[in-house]
Amino acid sequence: MLGWAVTFLVVALVAALFGFGGIAGTAVEAAKIIFFVAVVLFAISAIVGLLRGRSPTL
């Protein structure tokens, strides 16, 4: 998911560079939403892993 967030961020930067403000704004908002969803899912996964008593794998 973080890869998608970075992709949308790059699209936003390229669109802003070429002057497409609407597309850039939409891409930035999509990147923000995907980033926060990824952070929330990571936190949930970490909490569930701790509650199940499994050691983290690296």
PDB file of N, CA and C in Angstrom:
ATOM      1  N   MET A   1       0.820  -1.198   0.000  1.00  0.00           N
ATOM      2  CA  MET A   1       0.000   0.000   0.000  1.00  0.00           C
ATOM      3  C   MET A   1       0.858   1.254   0.000  1.00  0.00           C
ATOM      4  N   LEU A   2       1.977   1.177   0.672  1.00  0.00           N
ATOM      5  CA  LEU A   2       2.830   2.359   0.673  1.00  0.00           C
ATOM      6  C   LEU A   2       3.376   2.630  -0.727  1.00  0.00           C
ATOM      7  N   GLY A   3       3.536   1.583  -1.495  1.00  0.00           N
ATOM      8  CA  GLY A   3       3.963   1.770  -2.890  1.00  0.00           C
ATOM      9  C   GLY A   3       2.932   2.547  -3.689  1.00  0.00           C
ATOM     10  N   TRP A   4       1.658   2.254  -3.456  1.00  0.00           N
ATOM     11  CA  TRP A   4       0.596   3.000  -4.135  1.00  0.00           C
ATOM     12  C   TRP A   4       0.602   4.465  -3.701  1.00  0.00           C
ATOM     13  N   ALA A   5       0.823   4.705  -2.410  1.00  0.00           N
ATOM     14  CA  ALA A   5       0.857   6.081  -1.912  1.00  0.00           C
ATOM     15  C   ALA A   5       1.993   6.857  -2.564  1.00  0.00           C
ATOM     16  N   VAL A   6       3.159   6.215  -2.681  1.00  0.00           N
ATOM     17  CA  VAL A   6       4.294   6.878  -3.328  1.00  0.00           C
ATOM     18  C   VAL A   6       4.000   7.120  -4.805  1.00  0.00           C
ATOM     19  N   THR A   7       3.339   6.170  -5.453  1.00  0.00           N
ATOM     20  CA  THR A   7       2.982   6.336  -6.866  1.00  0.00           C
ATOM     21  C   THR A   7       2.070   7.535  -7.060  1.00  0.00           C
ATOM     22  N   PHE A   8       1.039   7.656  -6.230  1.00  0.00           N
ATOM     23  CA  PHE A   8       0.140   8.798  -6.340  1.00  0.00           C
ATOM     24  C   PHE A   8       0.861  10.108  -6.034  1.00  0.00           C
ATOM     25  N   LEU A   9       1.804  10.069  -5.097  1.00  0.00           N
ATOM     26  CA  LEU A   9       2.570  11.271  -4.796  1.00  0.00           C
ATOM     27  C   LEU A   9       3.413  11.693  -5.989  1.00  0.00           C
ATOM     28  N   VAL A  10       4.036  10.744  -6.656  1.00  0.00           N
ATOM     29  CA  VAL A  10       4.836  11.067  -7.849  1.00  0.00           C
ATOM     30  C   VAL A  10       3.938  11.615  -8.960  1.00  0.00           C
ATOM     31  N   VAL A  11       2.774  11.002  -9.149  1.00  0.00           N
ATOM     32  CA  VAL A  11       1.829  11.506 -10.153  1.00  0.00           C
ATOM     33  C   VAL A  11       1.428  12.934  -9.825  1.00  0.00           C
ATOM     34  N   ALA A  12       1.201  13.216  -8.545  1.00  0.00           N
ATOM     35  CA  ALA A  12       0.826  14.573  -8.136  1.00  0.00           C
ATOM     36  C   ALA A  12       1.943  15.565  -8.411  1.00  0.00           C
ATOM     37  N   LEU A  13       3.173  15.161  -8.135  1.00  0.00           N
ATOM     38  CA  LEU A  13       4.295  16.068  -8.375  1.00  0.00           C
ATOM     39  C   LEU A  13       4.486  16.348  -9.864  1.00  0.00           C
ATOM     40  N   VAL A  14       4.359  15.322 -10.687  1.00  0.00           N
ATOM     41  CA  VAL A  14       4.497  15.513 -12.134  1.00  0.00           C
ATOM     42  C   VAL A  14       3.356  16.378 -12.663  1.00  0.00           C
ATOM     43  N   ALA A  15       2.141  16.123 -12.196  1.00  0.00           N
ATOM     44  CA  ALA A  15       0.999  16.920 -12.646  1.00  0.00           C
ATOM     45  C   ALA A  15       1.151  18.377 -12.216  1.00  0.00           C
ATOM     46  N   ALA A  16       1.648  18.598 -11.013  1.00  0.00           N
ATOM     47  CA  ALA A  16       1.857  19.979 -10.550  1.00  0.00           C
ATOM     48  C   ALA A  16       2.944  20.660 -11.362  1.00  0.00           C
ATOM     49  N   LEU A  17       3.958  19.913 -11.746  1.00  0.00           N
ATOM     50  CA  LEU A  17       5.047  20.468 -12.547  1.00  0.00           C
ATOM     51  C   LEU A  17       4.539  20.959 -13.895  1.00  0.00           C
ATOM     52  N   PHE A  18       3.592  20.213 -14.479  1.00  0.00           N
ATOM     53  CA  PHE A  18       3.047  20.594 -15.778  1.00  0.00           C
ATOM     54  C   PHE A  18       1.839  21.522 -15.680  1.00  0.00           C
ATOM     55  N   GLY A  19       1.432  21.877 -14.473  1.00  0.00           N
ATOM     56  CA  GLY A  19       0.376  22.856 -14.294  1.00  0.00           C
ATOM     57  C   GLY A  19      -1.037  22.293 -14.234  1.00  0.00           C
ATOM     58  N   PHE A  20      -1.188  21.004 -14.010  1.00  0.00           N
ATOM     59  CA  PHE A  20      -2.513  20.409 -13.889  1.00  0.00           C
ATOM     60  C   PHE A  20      -2.898  20.386 -12.409  1.00  0.00           C
ATOM     61  N   GLY A  21      -3.405  21.505 -11.917  1.00  0.00           N
ATOM     62  CA  GLY A  21      -3.700  21.653 -10.498  1.00  0.00           C
ATOM     63  C   GLY A  21      -4.760  20.698  -9.987  1.00  0.00           C
ATOM     64  N   GLY A  22      -5.816  20.480 -10.759  1.00  0.00           N
ATOM     65  CA  GLY A  22      -6.899  19.606 -10.315  1.00  0.00           C
ATOM     66  C   GLY A  22      -6.458  18.172 -10.171  1.00  0.00           C
ATOM     67  N   ILE A  23      -5.706  17.698 -11.151  1.00  0.00           N
ATOM     68  CA  ILE A  23      -5.209  16.318 -11.107  1.00  0.00           C
ATOM     69  C   ILE A  23      -4.201  16.169  -9.972  1.00  0.00           C
ATOM     70  N   ALA A  24      -3.362  17.169  -9.781  1.00  0.00           N
ATOM     71  CA  ALA A  24      -2.359  17.110  -8.715  1.00  0.00           C
ATOM     72  C   ALA A  24      -3.034  17.058  -7.350  1.00  0.00           C
ATOM     73  N   GLY A  25      -4.044  17.877  -7.152  1.00  0.00           N
ATOM     74  CA  GLY A  25      -4.751  17.885  -5.875  1.00  0.00           C
ATOM     75  C   GLY A  25      -5.438  16.564  -5.589  1.00  0.00           C
ATOM     76  N   THR A  26      -6.058  15.999  -6.620  1.00  0.00           N
ATOM     77  CA  THR A  26      -6.729  14.705  -6.461  1.00  0.00           C
ATOM     78  C   THR A  26      -5.721  13.609  -6.138  1.00  0.00           C
ATOM     79  N   ALA A  27      -4.588  13.610  -6.806  1.00  0.00           N
ATOM     80  CA  ALA A  27      -3.567  12.591  -6.566  1.00  0.00           C
ATOM     81  C   ALA A  27      -2.973  12.726  -5.162  1.00  0.00           C
ATOM     82  N   VAL A  28      -2.798  13.950  -4.700  1.00  0.00           N
ATOM     83  CA  VAL A  28      -2.277  14.152  -3.349  1.00  0.00           C
ATOM     84  C   VAL A  28      -3.268  13.626  -2.321  1.00  0.00           C
ATOM     85  N   GLU A  29      -4.544  13.911  -2.503  1.00  0.00           N
ATOM     86  CA  GLU A  29      -5.556  13.410  -1.573  1.00  0.00           C
ATOM     87  C   GLU A  29      -5.606  11.889  -1.572  1.00  0.00           C
ATOM     88  N   ALA A  30      -5.506  11.276  -2.738  1.00  0.00           N
ATOM     89  CA  ALA A  30      -5.492   9.810  -2.814  1.00  0.00           C
ATOM     90  C   ALA A  30      -4.264   9.257  -2.103  1.00  0.00           C
ATOM     91  N   ALA A  31      -3.117   9.898  -2.279  1.00  0.00           N
ATOM     92  CA  ALA A  31      -1.892   9.448  -1.617  1.00  0.00           C
ATOM     93  C   ALA A  31      -2.028   9.544  -0.106  1.00  0.00           C
ATOM     94  N   LYS A  32      -2.629  10.621   0.378  1.00  0.00           N
ATOM     95  CA  LYS A  32      -2.831  10.777   1.823  1.00  0.00           C
ATOM     96  C   LYS A  32      -3.737   9.689   2.373  1.00  0.00           C
ATOM     97  N   ILE A  33      -4.840   9.442   1.702  1.00  0.00           N
ATOM     98  CA  ILE A  33      -5.799   8.440   2.166  1.00  0.00           C
ATOM     99  C   ILE A  33      -5.152   7.063   2.198  1.00  0.00           C
ATOM    100  N   ILE A  34      -4.464   6.691   1.126  1.00  0.00           N
ATOM    101  CA  ILE A  34      -3.830   5.374   1.063  1.00  0.00           C
ATOM    102  C   ILE A  34      -2.748   5.247   2.127  1.00  0.00           C
ATOM    103  N   PHE A  35      -1.993   6.317   2.357  1.00  0.00           N
ATOM    104  CA  PHE A  35      -0.940   6.283   3.369  1.00  0.00           C
ATOM    105  C   PHE A  35      -1.536   6.046   4.760  1.00  0.00           C
ATOM    106  N   PHE A  36      -2.589   6.776   5.096  1.00  0.00           N
ATOM    107  CA  PHE A  36      -3.173   6.617   6.429  1.00  0.00           C
ATOM    108  C   PHE A  36      -3.863   5.269   6.594  1.00  0.00           C
ATOM    109  N   VAL A  37      -4.453   4.747   5.533  1.00  0.00           N
ATOM    110  CA  VAL A  37      -5.030   3.403   5.597  1.00  0.00           C
ATOM    111  C   VAL A  37      -3.925   2.378   5.853  1.00  0.00           C
ATOM    112  N   ALA A  38      -2.784   2.536   5.197  1.00  0.00           N
ATOM    113  CA  ALA A  38      -1.662   1.619   5.396  1.00  0.00           C
ATOM    114  C   ALA A  38      -1.147   1.700   6.826  1.00  0.00           C
ATOM    115  N   VAL A  39      -1.071   2.900   7.389  1.00  0.00           N
ATOM    116  CA  VAL A  39      -0.602   3.060   8.763  1.00  0.00           C
ATOM    117  C   VAL A  39      -1.576   2.412   9.742  1.00  0.00           C
ATOM    118  N   VAL A  40      -2.876   2.616   9.530  1.00  0.00           N
ATOM    119  CA  VAL A  40      -3.880   2.014  10.407  1.00  0.00           C
ATOM    120  C   VAL A  40      -3.837   0.486  10.314  1.00  0.00           C
ATOM    121  N   LEU A  41      -3.735  -0.055   9.110  1.00  0.00           N
ATOM    122  CA  LEU A  41      -3.662  -1.505   8.956  1.00  0.00           C
ATOM    123  C   LEU A  41      -2.397  -2.071   9.600  1.00  0.00           C
ATOM    124  N   PHE A  42      -1.292  -1.349   9.504  1.00  0.00           N
ATOM    125  CA  PHE A  42      -0.063  -1.778  10.167  1.00  0.00           C
ATOM    126  C   PHE A  42      -0.248  -1.807  11.681  1.00  0.00           C
ATOM    127  N   ALA A  43      -0.862  -0.762  12.231  1.00  0.00           N
ATOM    128  CA  ALA A  43      -1.078  -0.703  13.676  1.00  0.00           C
ATOM    129  C   ALA A  43      -1.980  -1.846  14.135  1.00  0.00           C
ATOM    130  N   ILE A  44      -3.049  -2.106  13.402  1.00  0.00           N
ATOM    131  CA  ILE A  44      -3.947  -3.208  13.748  1.00  0.00           C
ATOM    132  C   ILE A  44      -3.202  -4.535  13.688  1.00  0.00           C
ATOM    133  N   SER A  45      -2.407  -4.713  12.663  1.00  0.00           N
ATOM    134  CA  SER A  45      -1.633  -5.954  12.522  1.00  0.00           C
ATOM    135  C   SER A  45      -0.643  -6.113  13.665  1.00  0.00           C
ATOM    136  N   ALA A  46       0.006  -5.038  14.068  1.00  0.00           N
ATOM    137  CA  ALA A  46       0.964  -5.102  15.168  1.00  0.00           C
ATOM    138  C   ALA A  46       0.262  -5.439  16.480  1.00  0.00           C
ATOM    139  N   ILE A  47      -0.882  -4.836  16.730  1.00  0.00           N
ATOM    140  CA  ILE A  47      -1.624  -5.104  17.963  1.00  0.00           C
ATOM    141  C   ILE A  47      -2.108  -6.549  18.002  1.00  0.00           C
ATOM    142  N   VAL A  48      -2.650  -7.036  16.898  1.00  0.00           N
ATOM    143  CA  VAL A  48      -3.126  -8.413  16.848  1.00  0.00           C
ATOM    144  C   VAL A  48      -1.950  -9.375  17.040  1.00  0.00           C
ATOM    145  N   GLY A  49      -0.827  -9.078  16.444  1.00  0.00           N
ATOM    146  CA  GLY A  49       0.355  -9.919  16.621  1.00  0.00           C
ATOM    147  C   GLY A  49       0.824  -9.960  18.067  1.00  0.00           C
ATOM    148  N   LEU A  50       0.762  -8.822  18.748  1.00  0.00           N
ATOM    149  CA  LEU A  50       1.146  -8.787  20.155  1.00  0.00           C
ATOM    150  C   LEU A  50       0.158  -9.554  21.021  1.00  0.00           C
ATOM    151  N   LEU A  51      -1.115  -9.434  20.727  1.00  0.00           N
ATOM    152  CA  LEU A  51      -2.136 -10.121  21.519  1.00  0.00           C
ATOM    153  C   LEU A  51      -2.078 -11.637  21.328  1.00  0.00           C
ATOM    154  N   ARG A  52      -1.670 -12.082  20.165  1.00  0.00           N
ATOM    155  CA  ARG A  52      -1.585 -13.524  19.905  1.00  0.00           C
ATOM    156  C   ARG A  52      -0.320 -14.112  20.497  1.00  0.00           C
ATOM    157  N   GLY A  53       0.624 -13.266  20.905  1.00  0.00           N
ATOM    158  CA  GLY A  53       1.843 -13.734  21.558  1.00  0.00           C
ATOM    159  C   GLY A  53       2.901 -14.248  20.619  1.00  0.00           C
ATOM    160  N   ARG A  54       2.800 -13.916  19.359  1.00  0.00           N
ATOM    161  CA  ARG A  54       3.811 -14.364  18.408  1.00  0.00           C
ATOM    162  C   ARG A  54       4.977 -13.384  18.419  1.00  0.00           C
ATOM    163  N   SER A  55       6.154 -13.917  18.233  1.00  0.00           N
ATOM    164  CA  SER A  55       7.320 -13.037  18.135  1.00  0.00           C
ATOM    165  C   SER A  55       7.356 -12.440  16.736  1.00  0.00           C
ATOM    166  N   PRO A  56       7.766 -11.188  16.633  1.00  0.00           N
ATOM    167  CA  PRO A  56       7.809 -10.550  15.308  1.00  0.00           C
ATOM    168  C   PRO A  56       8.884 -11.174  14.429  1.00  0.00           C
ATOM    169  N   THR A  57       8.569 -11.331  13.159  1.00  0.00           N
ATOM    170  CA  THR A  57       9.534 -11.859  12.202  1.00  0.00           C
ATOM    171  C   THR A  57      10.118 -10.703  11.404  1.00  0.00           C
ATOM    172  N   LEU A  58      11.395 -10.729  11.240  1.00  0.00           N
ATOM    173  CA  LEU A  58      12.059  -9.651  10.502  1.00  0.00           C
ATOM    174  C   LEU A  58      12.560 -10.139   9.180  1.00  0.00           C
TER     175      LEU A  58
END
